PDB file of N, CA and C in Angstrom:
ATOM      1  N   MET A   1     176.006  46.803  -7.848  1.00  0.00           N
ATOM      2  CA  MET A   1     176.455  46.508  -6.512  1.00  0.00           C
ATOM      3  C   MET A   1     175.694  45.303  -5.986  1.00  0.00           C
ATOM      4  N   ASN A   2     176.416  44.326  -5.480  1.00  0.00           N
ATOM      5  CA  ASN A   2     175.811  43.129  -4.923  1.00  0.00           C
ATOM      6  C   ASN A   2     175.885  43.205  -3.407  1.00  0.00           C
ATOM      7  N   THR A   3     174.817  42.784  -2.755  1.00  0.00           N
ATOM      8  CA  THR A   3     174.794  42.812  -1.303  1.00  0.00           C
ATOM      9  C   THR A   3     174.250  41.512  -0.774  1.00  0.00           C
ATOM     10  N   ALA A   4     174.803  41.059   0.320  1.00  0.00           N
ATOM     11  CA  ALA A   4     174.273  39.891   1.022  1.00  0.00           C
ATOM     12  C   ALA A   4     173.455  40.406   2.192  1.00  0.00           C
ATOM     13  N   VAL A   5     172.319  39.779   2.417  1.00  0.00           N
ATOM     14  CA  VAL A   5     171.433  40.193   3.497  1.00  0.00           C
ATOM     15  C   VAL A   5     171.393  39.094   4.530  1.00  0.00           C
ATOM     16  N   PRO A   6     171.690  39.409   5.794  1.00  0.00           N
ATOM     17  CA  PRO A   6     171.654  38.363   6.822  1.00  0.00           C
ATOM     18  C   PRO A   6     170.234  37.863   7.046  1.00  0.00           C
ATOM     19  N   SER A   7     170.113  36.572   7.289  1.00  0.00           N
ATOM     20  CA  SER A   7     168.799  35.986   7.536  1.00  0.00           C
ATOM     21  C   SER A   7     168.432  36.141   9.009  1.00  0.00           C
ATOM     22  N   ARG A   8     167.189  35.778   9.325  1.00  0.00           N
ATOM     23  CA  ARG A   8     166.752  35.829  10.723  1.00  0.00           C
ATOM     24  C   ARG A   8     167.408  34.742  11.553  1.00  0.00           C
ATOM     25  N   ASN A   9     167.873  33.681  10.898  1.00  0.00           N
ATOM     26  CA  ASN A   9     168.526  32.569  11.578  1.00  0.00           C
ATOM     27  C   ASN A   9     169.856  32.300  10.875  1.00  0.00           C
ATOM     28  N   PRO A  10     170.876  33.150  11.069  1.00  0.00           N
ATOM     29  CA  PRO A  10     172.096  33.080  10.293  1.00  0.00           C
ATOM     30  C   PRO A  10     172.889  31.796  10.468  1.00  0.00           C
ATOM     31  N   ALA A  11     172.699  31.077  11.540  1.00  0.00           N
ATOM     32  CA  ALA A  11     173.468  29.864  11.761  1.00  0.00           C
ATOM     33  C   ALA A  11     173.093  28.765  10.780  1.00  0.00           C
ATOM     34  N   SER A  12     171.856  28.758  10.281  1.00  0.00           N
ATOM     35  CA  SER A  12     171.433  27.643   9.447  1.00  0.00           C
ATOM     36  C   SER A  12     170.992  28.033   8.047  1.00  0.00           C
ATOM     37  N   SER A  13     170.781  29.301   7.761  1.00  0.00           N
ATOM     38  CA  SER A  13     170.284  29.713   6.454  1.00  0.00           C
ATOM     39  C   SER A  13     171.396  30.294   5.609  1.00  0.00           C
ATOM     40  N   PRO A  14     171.433  29.940   4.316  1.00  0.00           N
ATOM     41  CA  PRO A  14     172.418  30.565   3.433  1.00  0.00           C
ATOM     42  C   PRO A  14     172.088  32.042   3.241  1.00  0.00           C
ATOM     43  N   LEU A  15     173.096  32.833   2.954  1.00  0.00           N
ATOM     44  CA  LEU A  15     172.882  34.256   2.726  1.00  0.00           C
ATOM     45  C   LEU A  15     172.539  34.510   1.267  1.00  0.00           C
ATOM     46  N   PRO A  16     171.407  35.155   1.001  1.00  0.00           N
ATOM     47  CA  PRO A  16     171.102  35.521  -0.378  1.00  0.00           C
ATOM     48  C   PRO A  16     171.990  36.681  -0.811  1.00  0.00           C
ATOM     49  N   GLU A  17     172.310  36.690  -2.081  1.00  0.00           N
ATOM     50  CA  GLU A  17     173.099  37.771  -2.681  1.00  0.00           C
ATOM     51  C   GLU A  17     172.162  38.525  -3.617  1.00  0.00           C
ATOM     52  N   PHE A  18     172.049  39.835  -3.445  1.00  0.00           N
ATOM     53  CA  PHE A  18     171.176  40.668  -4.271  1.00  0.00           C
ATOM     54  C   PHE A  18     172.021  41.580  -5.154  1.00  0.00           C
ATOM     55  N   GLY A  19     171.478  41.940  -6.320  1.00  0.00           N
ATOM     56  CA  GLY A  19     172.177  42.857  -7.206  1.00  0.00           C
ATOM     57  C   GLY A  19     171.306  43.279  -8.369  1.00  0.00           C
ATOM     58  N   ARG A  20     171.947  43.846  -9.387  1.00  0.00           N
ATOM     59  CA  ARG A  20     171.277  44.266 -10.629  1.00  0.00           C
ATOM     60  C   ARG A  20     171.925  43.531 -11.789  1.00  0.00           C
ATOM     61  N   SER A  21     171.094  43.100 -12.712  1.00  0.00           N
ATOM     62  CA  SER A  21     171.583  42.403 -13.892  1.00  0.00           C
ATOM     63  C   SER A  21     172.118  43.397 -14.916  1.00  0.00           C
ATOM     64  N   ALA A  22     172.705  42.880 -15.984  1.00  0.00           N
ATOM     65  CA  ALA A  22     173.242  43.721 -17.045  1.00  0.00           C
ATOM     66  C   ALA A  22     172.157  44.577 -17.689  1.00  0.00           C
ATOM     67  N   ASP A  23     170.928  44.071 -17.712  1.00  0.00           N
ATOM     68  CA  ASP A  23     169.836  44.848 -18.308  1.00  0.00           C
ATOM     69  C   ASP A  23     168.946  45.510 -17.257  1.00  0.00           C
ATOM     70  N   GLY A  24     169.454  45.672 -16.032  1.00  0.00           N
ATOM     71  CA  GLY A  24     168.781  46.468 -15.012  1.00  0.00           C
ATOM     72  C   GLY A  24     167.761  45.765 -14.142  1.00  0.00           C
ATOM     73  N   LEU A  25     167.634  44.448 -14.251  1.00  0.00           N
ATOM     74  CA  LEU A  25     166.680  43.713 -13.416  1.00  0.00           C
ATOM     75  C   LEU A  25     167.215  43.580 -11.997  1.00  0.00           C
ATOM     76  N   ILE A  26     166.323  43.556 -11.029  1.00  0.00           N
ATOM     77  CA  ILE A  26     166.697  43.244  -9.656  1.00  0.00           C
ATOM     78  C   ILE A  26     166.803  41.727  -9.585  1.00  0.00           C
ATOM     79  N   VAL A  27     167.954  41.228  -9.152  1.00  0.00           N
ATOM     80  CA  VAL A  27     168.213  39.792  -9.168  1.00  0.00           C
ATOM     81  C   VAL A  27     168.762  39.330  -7.821  1.00  0.00           C
ATOM     82  N   ALA A  28     168.713  38.020  -7.609  1.00  0.00           N
ATOM     83  CA  ALA A  28     169.236  37.438  -6.376  1.00  0.00           C
ATOM     84  C   ALA A  28     169.689  36.013  -6.642  1.00  0.00           C
ATOM     85  N   ARG A  29     170.635  35.559  -5.814  1.00  0.00           N
ATOM     86  CA  ARG A  29     171.113  34.180  -5.893  1.00  0.00           C
ATOM     87  C   ARG A  29     171.224  33.642  -4.479  1.00  0.00           C
ATOM     88  N   ILE A  30     170.816  32.376  -4.315  1.00  0.00           N
ATOM     89  CA  ILE A  30     170.999  31.655  -3.058  1.00  0.00           C
ATOM     90  C   ILE A  30     171.629  30.323  -3.433  1.00  0.00           C
ATOM     91  N   GLY A  31     172.924  30.250  -3.472  1.00  0.00           N
ATOM     92  CA  GLY A  31     173.580  29.028  -3.923  1.00  0.00           C
ATOM     93  C   GLY A  31     173.315  28.827  -5.398  1.00  0.00           C
ATOM     94  N   ASP A  32     172.692  27.705  -5.759  1.00  0.00           N
ATOM     95  CA  ASP A  32     172.370  27.435  -7.161  1.00  0.00           C
ATOM     96  C   ASP A  32     171.117  28.150  -7.669  1.00  0.00           C
ATOM     97  N   PRO A  33     170.054  28.269  -6.876  1.00  0.00           N
ATOM     98  CA  PRO A  33     168.853  28.961  -7.372  1.00  0.00           C
ATOM     99  C   PRO A  33     169.107  30.453  -7.600  1.00  0.00           C
ATOM    100  N   ALA A  34     168.538  30.955  -8.697  1.00  0.00           N
ATOM    101  CA  ALA A  34     168.661  32.373  -9.049  1.00  0.00           C
ATOM    102  C   ALA A  34     167.270  32.924  -9.336  1.00  0.00           C
ATOM    103  N   TYR A  35     167.061  34.185  -8.975  1.00  0.00           N
ATOM    104  CA  TYR A  35     165.747  34.814  -9.124  1.00  0.00           C
ATOM    105  C   TYR A  35     165.891  36.210  -9.722  1.00  0.00           C
ATOM    106  N   ALA A  36     164.861  36.634 -10.436  1.00  0.00           N
ATOM    107  CA  ALA A  36     164.828  37.981 -11.003  1.00  0.00           C
ATOM    108  C   ALA A  36     163.418  38.535 -10.888  1.00  0.00           C
ATOM    109  N   MET A  37     163.338  39.836 -10.702  1.00  0.00           N
ATOM    110  CA  MET A  37     162.063  40.547 -10.693  1.00  0.00           C
ATOM    111  C   MET A  37     161.900  41.112 -12.102  1.00  0.00           C
ATOM    112  N   ILE A  38     161.030  40.470 -12.896  1.00  0.00           N
ATOM    113  CA  ILE A  38     160.927  40.778 -14.324  1.00  0.00           C
ATOM    114  C   ILE A  38     159.666  41.595 -14.599  1.00  0.00           C
ATOM    115  N   PRO A  39     159.844  42.766 -15.235  1.00  0.00           N
ATOM    116  CA  PRO A  39     158.680  43.611 -15.523  1.00  0.00           C
ATOM    117  C   PRO A  39     157.838  43.035 -16.660  1.00  0.00           C
ATOM    118  N   THR A  40     156.534  43.301 -16.602  1.00  0.00           N
ATOM    119  CA  THR A  40     155.623  42.908 -17.673  1.00  0.00           C
ATOM    120  C   THR A  40     155.257  44.147 -18.482  1.00  0.00           C
ATOM    121  N   ALA A  41     154.581  43.941 -19.595  1.00  0.00           N
ATOM    122  CA  ALA A  41     154.210  45.047 -20.477  1.00  0.00           C
ATOM    123  C   ALA A  41     153.254  46.032 -19.804  1.00  0.00           C
ATOM    124  N   ASP A  42     152.462  45.546 -18.838  1.00  0.00           N
ATOM    125  CA  ASP A  42     151.480  46.429 -18.198  1.00  0.00           C
ATOM    126  C   ASP A  42     151.982  47.048 -16.889  1.00  0.00           C
ATOM    127  N   GLY A  43     153.303  47.021 -16.653  1.00  0.00           N
ATOM    128  CA  GLY A  43     153.867  47.691 -15.488  1.00  0.00           C
ATOM    129  C   GLY A  43     153.956  46.862 -14.226  1.00  0.00           C
ATOM    130  N   ARG A  44     153.479  45.630 -14.268  1.00  0.00           N
ATOM    131  CA  ARG A  44     153.601  44.750 -13.100  1.00  0.00           C
ATOM    132  C   ARG A  44     154.934  44.004 -13.174  1.00  0.00           C
ATOM    133  N   HIS A  45     155.156  43.087 -12.235  1.00  0.00           N
ATOM    134  CA  HIS A  45     156.375  42.278 -12.228  1.00  0.00           C
ATOM    135  C   HIS A  45     156.029  40.834 -11.910  1.00  0.00           C
ATOM    136  N   PHE A  46     156.858  39.920 -12.417  1.00  0.00           N
ATOM    137  CA  PHE A  46     156.720  38.518 -12.030  1.00  0.00           C
ATOM    138  C   PHE A  46     158.081  37.981 -11.623  1.00  0.00           C
ATOM    139  N   LEU A  47     158.054  36.883 -10.894  1.00  0.00           N
ATOM    140  CA  LEU A  47     159.263  36.247 -10.412  1.00  0.00           C
ATOM    141  C   LEU A  47     159.808  35.319 -11.483  1.00  0.00           C
ATOM    142  N   GLY A  48     160.992  35.613 -11.976  1.00  0.00           N
ATOM    143  CA  GLY A  48     161.686  34.718 -12.895  1.00  0.00           C
ATOM    144  C   GLY A  48     162.677  33.887 -12.106  1.00  0.00           C
ATOM    145  N   SER A  49     162.894  32.651 -12.546  1.00  0.00           N
ATOM    146  CA  SER A  49     163.839  31.800 -11.834  1.00  0.00           C
ATOM    147  C   SER A  49     164.758  31.086 -12.806  1.00  0.00           C
ATOM    148  N   SER A  50     165.892  30.677 -12.280  1.00  0.00           N
ATOM    149  CA  SER A  50     166.878  29.943 -13.061  1.00  0.00           C
ATOM    150  C   SER A  50     167.691  29.091 -12.096  1.00  0.00           C
ATOM    151  N   TRP A  51     168.696  28.422 -12.616  1.00  0.00           N
ATOM    152  CA  TRP A  51     169.467  27.480 -11.814  1.00  0.00           C
ATOM    153  C   TRP A  51     170.904  27.484 -12.301  1.00  0.00           C
ATOM    154  N   ARG A  52     171.818  27.516 -11.369  1.00  0.00           N
ATOM    155  CA  ARG A  52     173.250  27.388 -11.637  1.00  0.00           C
ATOM    156  C   ARG A  52     173.788  28.414 -12.635  1.00  0.00           C
ATOM    157  N   LEU A  53     173.476  29.662 -12.415  1.00  0.00           N
ATOM    158  CA  LEU A  53     174.075  30.720 -13.228  1.00  0.00           C
ATOM    159  C   LEU A  53     175.442  31.023 -12.631  1.00  0.00           C
ATOM    160  N   SER A  54     176.494  30.712 -13.354  1.00  0.00           N
ATOM    161  CA  SER A  54     177.839  30.853 -12.795  1.00  0.00           C
ATOM    162  C   SER A  54     178.426  32.250 -12.986  1.00  0.00           C
ATOM    163  N   LYS A  55     177.816  33.053 -13.836  1.00  0.00           N
ATOM    164  CA  LYS A  55     178.316  34.404 -14.076  1.00  0.00           C
ATOM    165  C   LYS A  55     178.019  35.296 -12.873  1.00  0.00           C
ATOM    166  N   PRO A  56     178.746  36.407 -12.742  1.00  0.00           N
ATOM    167  CA  PRO A  56     178.382  37.383 -11.707  1.00  0.00           C
ATOM    168  C   PRO A  56     176.972  37.921 -11.962  1.00  0.00           C
ATOM    169  N   LEU A  57     176.290  38.334 -10.904  1.00  0.00           N
ATOM    170  CA  LEU A  57     174.929  38.854 -11.031  1.00  0.00           C
ATOM    171  C   LEU A  57     174.864  39.993 -12.046  1.00  0.00           C
ATOM    172  N   SER A  58     175.876  40.818 -12.080  1.00  0.00           N
ATOM    173  CA  SER A  58     175.880  41.972 -12.987  1.00  0.00           C
ATOM    174  C   SER A  58     175.965  41.574 -14.460  1.00  0.00           C
ATOM    175  N   ASP A  59     176.282  40.314 -14.747  1.00  0.00           N
ATOM    176  CA  ASP A  59     176.340  39.831 -16.133  1.00  0.00           C
ATOM    177  C   ASP A  59     175.074  39.086 -16.553  1.00  0.00           C
ATOM    178  N   TRP A  60     174.166  38.835 -15.627  1.00  0.00           N
ATOM    179  CA  TRP A  60     172.936  38.126 -15.969  1.00  0.00           C
ATOM    180  C   TRP A  60     172.072  38.979 -16.878  1.00  0.00           C
ATOM    181  N   LYS A  61     171.247  38.296 -17.674  1.00  0.00           N
ATOM    182  CA  LYS A  61     170.295  38.974 -18.565  1.00  0.00           C
ATOM    183  C   LYS A  61     168.934  38.303 -18.442  1.00  0.00           C
ATOM    184  N   ARG A  62     167.919  38.966 -18.939  1.00  0.00           N
ATOM    185  CA  ARG A  62     166.551  38.445 -18.920  1.00  0.00           C
ATOM    186  C   ARG A  62     166.499  37.050 -19.529  1.00  0.00           C
ATOM    187  N   SER A  63     167.257  36.823 -20.576  1.00  0.00           N
ATOM    188  CA  SER A  63     167.236  35.534 -21.276  1.00  0.00           C
ATOM    189  C   SER A  63     167.807  34.386 -20.448  1.00  0.00           C
ATOM    190  N   ASP A  64     168.467  34.677 -19.328  1.00  0.00           N
ATOM    191  CA  ASP A  64     168.996  33.619 -18.459  1.00  0.00           C
ATOM    192  C   ASP A  64     167.909  32.978 -17.598  1.00  0.00           C
ATOM    193  N   PHE A  65     166.732  33.586 -17.538  1.00  0.00           N
ATOM    194  CA  PHE A  65     165.664  33.122 -16.654  1.00  0.00           C
ATOM    195  C   PHE A  65     164.567  32.447 -17.467  1.00  0.00           C
ATOM    196  N   TYR A  66     164.192  31.245 -17.035  1.00  0.00           N
ATOM    197  CA  TYR A  66     163.203  30.471 -17.784  1.00  0.00           C
ATOM    198  C   TYR A  66     161.978  30.109 -16.953  1.00  0.00           C
ATOM    199  N   GLY A  67     162.056  30.214 -15.641  1.00  0.00           N
ATOM    200  CA  GLY A  67     160.917  29.866 -14.787  1.00  0.00           C
ATOM    201  C   GLY A  67     160.040  31.074 -14.513  1.00  0.00           C
ATOM    202  N   HIS A  68     158.767  30.821 -14.239  1.00  0.00           N
ATOM    203  CA  HIS A  68     157.808  31.880 -13.906  1.00  0.00           C
ATOM    204  C   HIS A  68     157.170  31.523 -12.580  1.00  0.00           C
ATOM    205  N   GLY A  69     157.428  32.341 -11.549  1.00  0.00           N
ATOM    206  CA  GLY A  69     156.946  32.021 -10.212  1.00  0.00           C
ATOM    207  C   GLY A  69     155.784  32.860  -9.736  1.00  0.00           C
ATOM    208  N   GLY A  70     155.074  33.505 -10.639  1.00  0.00           N
ATOM    209  CA  GLY A  70     153.919  34.300 -10.239  1.00  0.00           C
ATOM    210  C   GLY A  70     154.265  35.769 -10.074  1.00  0.00           C
ATOM    211  N   ASP A  71     153.254  36.548  -9.727  1.00  0.00           N
ATOM    212  CA  ASP A  71     153.409  37.997  -9.605  1.00  0.00           C
ATOM    213  C   ASP A  71     154.197  38.377  -8.356  1.00  0.00           C
ATOM    214  N   ILE A  72     154.981  39.433  -8.482  1.00  0.00           N
ATOM    215  CA  ILE A  72     155.718  40.037  -7.369  1.00  0.00           C
ATOM    216  C   ILE A  72     155.291  41.495  -7.320  1.00  0.00           C
ATOM    217  N   ALA A  73     154.798  41.944  -6.182  1.00  0.00           N
ATOM    218  CA  ALA A  73     154.227  43.288  -6.068  1.00  0.00           C
ATOM    219  C   ALA A  73     155.260  44.395  -6.240  1.00  0.00           C
ATOM    220  N   ASP A  74     156.412  44.258  -5.569  1.00  0.00           N
ATOM    221  CA  ASP A  74     157.406  45.319  -5.615  1.00  0.00           C
ATOM    222  C   ASP A  74     158.746  44.761  -5.140  1.00  0.00           C
ATOM    223  N   GLU A  75     159.746  45.631  -5.051  1.00  0.00           N
ATOM    224  CA  GLU A  75     161.083  45.187  -4.666  1.00  0.00           C
ATOM    225  C   GLU A  75     161.109  44.622  -3.247  1.00  0.00           C
ATOM    226  N   ALA A  76     160.340  45.210  -2.346  1.00  0.00           N
ATOM    227  CA  ALA A  76     160.290  44.693  -0.972  1.00  0.00           C
ATOM    228  C   ALA A  76     159.735  43.271  -0.950  1.00  0.00           C
ATOM    229  N   ALA A  77     158.718  43.010  -1.735  1.00  0.00           N
ATOM    230  CA  ALA A  77     158.143  41.661  -1.813  1.00  0.00           C
ATOM    231  C   ALA A  77     159.149  40.683  -2.413  1.00  0.00           C
ATOM    232  N   PHE A  78     159.925  41.128  -3.383  1.00  0.00           N
ATOM    233  CA  PHE A  78     160.962  40.282  -3.983  1.00  0.00           C
ATOM    234  C   PHE A  78     161.998  39.912  -2.923  1.00  0.00           C
ATOM    235  N   HIS A  79     162.478  40.894  -2.172  1.00  0.00           N
ATOM    236  CA  HIS A  79     163.468  40.633  -1.121  1.00  0.00           C
ATOM    237  C   HIS A  79     162.903  39.678  -0.067  1.00  0.00           C
ATOM    238  N   THR A  80     161.650  39.869   0.306  1.00  0.00           N
ATOM    239  CA  THR A  80     161.006  38.989   1.288  1.00  0.00           C
ATOM    240  C   THR A  80     160.933  37.564   0.759  1.00  0.00           C
ATOM    241  N   TYR A  81     160.537  37.410  -0.501  1.00  0.00           N
ATOM    242  CA  TYR A  81     160.430  36.082  -1.101  1.00  0.00           C
ATOM    243  C   TYR A  81     161.798  35.384  -1.099  1.00  0.00           C
ATOM    244  N   VAL A  82     162.825  36.091  -1.540  1.00  0.00           N
ATOM    245  CA  VAL A  82     164.160  35.495  -1.605  1.00  0.00           C
ATOM    246  C   VAL A  82     164.644  35.126  -0.208  1.00  0.00           C
ATOM    247  N   GLN A  83     164.410  35.984   0.759  1.00  0.00           N
ATOM    248  CA  GLN A  83     164.825  35.693   2.130  1.00  0.00           C
ATOM    249  C   GLN A  83     164.105  34.445   2.658  1.00  0.00           C
ATOM    250  N   GLU A  84     162.811  34.319   2.359  1.00  0.00           N
ATOM    251  CA  GLU A  84     162.063  33.134   2.777  1.00  0.00           C
ATOM    252  C   GLU A  84     162.624  31.876   2.128  1.00  0.00           C
ATOM    253  N   GLN A  85     163.033  31.969   0.865  1.00  0.00           N
ATOM    254  CA  GLN A  85     163.625  30.828   0.181  1.00  0.00           C
ATOM    255  C   GLN A  85     164.954  30.435   0.828  1.00  0.00           C
ATOM    256  N   ALA A  86     165.750  31.428   1.231  1.00  0.00           N
ATOM    257  CA  ALA A  86     167.018  31.146   1.910  1.00  0.00           C
ATOM    258  C   ALA A  86     166.760  30.422   3.231  1.00  0.00           C
ATOM    259  N   GLU A  87     165.782  30.891   3.978  1.00  0.00           N
ATOM    260  CA  GLU A  87     165.445  30.250   5.251  1.00  0.00           C
ATOM    261  C   GLU A  87     164.927  28.832   5.018  1.00  0.00           C
ATOM    262  N   HIS A  88     164.160  28.643   3.968  1.00  0.00           N
ATOM    263  CA  HIS A  88     163.657  27.306   3.636  1.00  0.00           C
ATOM    264  C   HIS A  88     164.819  26.364   3.305  1.00  0.00           C
ATOM    265  N   GLN A  89     165.803  26.859   2.549  1.00  0.00           N
ATOM    266  CA  GLN A  89     166.981  26.030   2.247  1.00  0.00           C
ATOM    267  C   GLN A  89     167.706  25.637   3.528  1.00  0.00           C
ATOM    268  N   GLY A  90     167.822  26.583   4.468  1.00  0.00           N
ATOM    269  CA  GLY A  90     168.454  26.282   5.749  1.00  0.00           C
ATOM    270  C   GLY A  90     167.688  25.236   6.534  1.00  0.00           C
ATOM    271  N   GLU A  91     166.365  25.350   6.522  1.00  0.00           N
ATOM    272  CA  GLU A  91     165.532  24.371   7.225  1.00  0.00           C
ATOM    273  C   GLU A  91     165.685  22.981   6.615  1.00  0.00           C
ATOM    274  N   LYS A  92     165.718  22.906   5.273  1.00  0.00           N
ATOM    275  CA  LYS A  92     165.904  21.610   4.616  1.00  0.00           C
ATOM    276  C   LYS A  92     167.266  21.013   4.957  1.00  0.00           C
ATOM    277  N   ALA A  93     168.298  21.853   4.966  1.00  0.00           N
ATOM    278  CA  ALA A  93     169.642  21.364   5.287  1.00  0.00           C
ATOM    279  C   ALA A  93     169.694  20.829   6.714  1.00  0.00           C
ATOM    280  N   ALA A  94     168.962  21.462   7.635  1.00  0.00           N
ATOM    281  CA  ALA A  94     168.955  21.037   9.037  1.00  0.00           C
ATOM    282  C   ALA A  94     168.329  19.655   9.212  1.00  0.00           C
ATOM    283  N   LEU A  95     167.518  19.232   8.263  1.00  0.00           N
ATOM    284  CA  LEU A  95     166.908  17.903   8.346  1.00  0.00           C
ATOM    285  C   LEU A  95     167.910  16.791   8.061  1.00  0.00           C
ATOM    286  N   ALA A  96     169.033  17.148   7.441  1.00  0.00           N
ATOM    287  CA  ALA A  96     170.114  16.199   7.136  1.00  0.00           C
ATOM    288  C   ALA A  96     169.616  14.982   6.366  1.00  0.00           C
ATOM    289  N   ARG A  97     168.744  15.209   5.434  1.00  0.00           N
ATOM    290  CA  ARG A  97     168.249  14.108   4.607  1.00  0.00           C
ATOM    291  C   ARG A  97     169.335  13.648   3.647  1.00  0.00           C
ATOM    292  N   GLN A  98     169.306  12.367   3.336  1.00  0.00           N
ATOM    293  CA  GLN A  98     170.256  11.816   2.390  1.00  0.00           C
ATOM    294  C   GLN A  98     169.526  11.491   1.096  1.00  0.00           C
ATOM    295  N   GLU A  99     170.134  11.875  -0.009  1.00  0.00           N
ATOM    296  CA  GLU A  99     169.556  11.552  -1.318  1.00  0.00           C
ATOM    297  C   GLU A  99     170.180  10.262  -1.816  1.00  0.00           C
ATOM    298  N   PHE A 100     169.404   9.517  -2.550  1.00  0.00           N
ATOM    299  CA  PHE A 100     169.934   8.314  -3.167  1.00  0.00           C
ATOM    300  C   PHE A 100     169.305   8.169  -4.547  1.00  0.00           C
ATOM    301  N   ARG A 101     169.992   7.435  -5.391  1.00  0.00           N
ATOM    302  CA  ARG A 101     169.489   7.213  -6.743  1.00  0.00           C
ATOM    303  C   ARG A 101     168.666   5.931  -6.764  1.00  0.00           C
ATOM    304  N   ALA A 102     167.443   6.070  -7.204  1.00  0.00           N
ATOM    305  CA  ALA A 102     166.587   4.901  -7.360  1.00  0.00           C
ATOM    306  C   ALA A 102     166.677   4.451  -8.809  1.00  0.00           C
ATOM    307  N   HIS A 103     166.897   3.198  -9.015  1.00  0.00           N
ATOM    308  CA  HIS A 103     167.013   2.662 -10.371  1.00  0.00           C
ATOM    309  C   HIS A 103     165.643   2.167 -10.826  1.00  0.00           C
ATOM    310  N   ALA A 104     164.806   3.130 -11.178  1.00  0.00           N
ATOM    311  CA  ALA A 104     163.456   2.797 -11.617  1.00  0.00           C
ATOM    312  C   ALA A 104     163.144   3.595 -12.872  1.00  0.00           C
ATOM    313  N   SER A 105     162.376   3.008 -13.748  1.00  0.00           N
ATOM    314  CA  SER A 105     161.953   3.719 -14.954  1.00  0.00           C
ATOM    315  C   SER A 105     160.569   4.274 -14.732  1.00  0.00           C
ATOM    316  N   THR A 106     160.381   5.504 -15.185  1.00  0.00           N
ATOM    317  CA  THR A 106     159.070   6.157 -15.098  1.00  0.00           C
ATOM    318  C   THR A 106     158.749   6.735 -16.469  1.00  0.00           C
ATOM    319  N   PRO A 107     157.528   7.176 -16.688  1.00  0.00           N
ATOM    320  CA  PRO A 107     157.207   7.819 -17.962  1.00  0.00           C
ATOM    321  C   PRO A 107     158.029   9.094 -18.209  1.00  0.00           C
ATOM    322  N   TRP A 108     158.616   9.656 -17.147  1.00  0.00           N
ATOM    323  CA  TRP A 108     159.385  10.892 -17.257  1.00  0.00           C
ATOM    324  C   TRP A 108     160.880  10.632 -17.355  1.00  0.00           C
ATOM    325  N   GLY A 109     161.281   9.386 -17.304  1.00  0.00           N
ATOM    326  CA  GLY A 109     162.699   9.024 -17.369  1.00  0.00           C
ATOM    327  C   GLY A 109     163.118   8.259 -16.132  1.00  0.00           C
ATOM    328  N   PRO A 110     164.386   7.895 -16.069  1.00  0.00           N
ATOM    329  CA  PRO A 110     164.865   7.107 -14.921  1.00  0.00           C
ATOM    330  C   PRO A 110     164.818   7.882 -13.627  1.00  0.00           C
TER     331      PRO A 110
END
């Protein structure tokens, strides 16, 4: 079951979508960013992240996540983190910044 949770500032923040993955992980999506609460061998959890997962949340798997965002204490902390990220996205959008392509070469690529 997927659920959207309203933010504290619904006019400007995207709504996060929460659910369970195919392998039972607690997962969330806010537009393109995706997050998972991934268990460790010693019973703790860490924040996994990914980008642009087009499948439904219920089809996601552990192997879809490649980022490591540090320890997450419990499901409530995961929900709080995701909600804060949604609010941050809303705040960035409110700045109305424009992106542009700079034609410069760097050691990391153009």
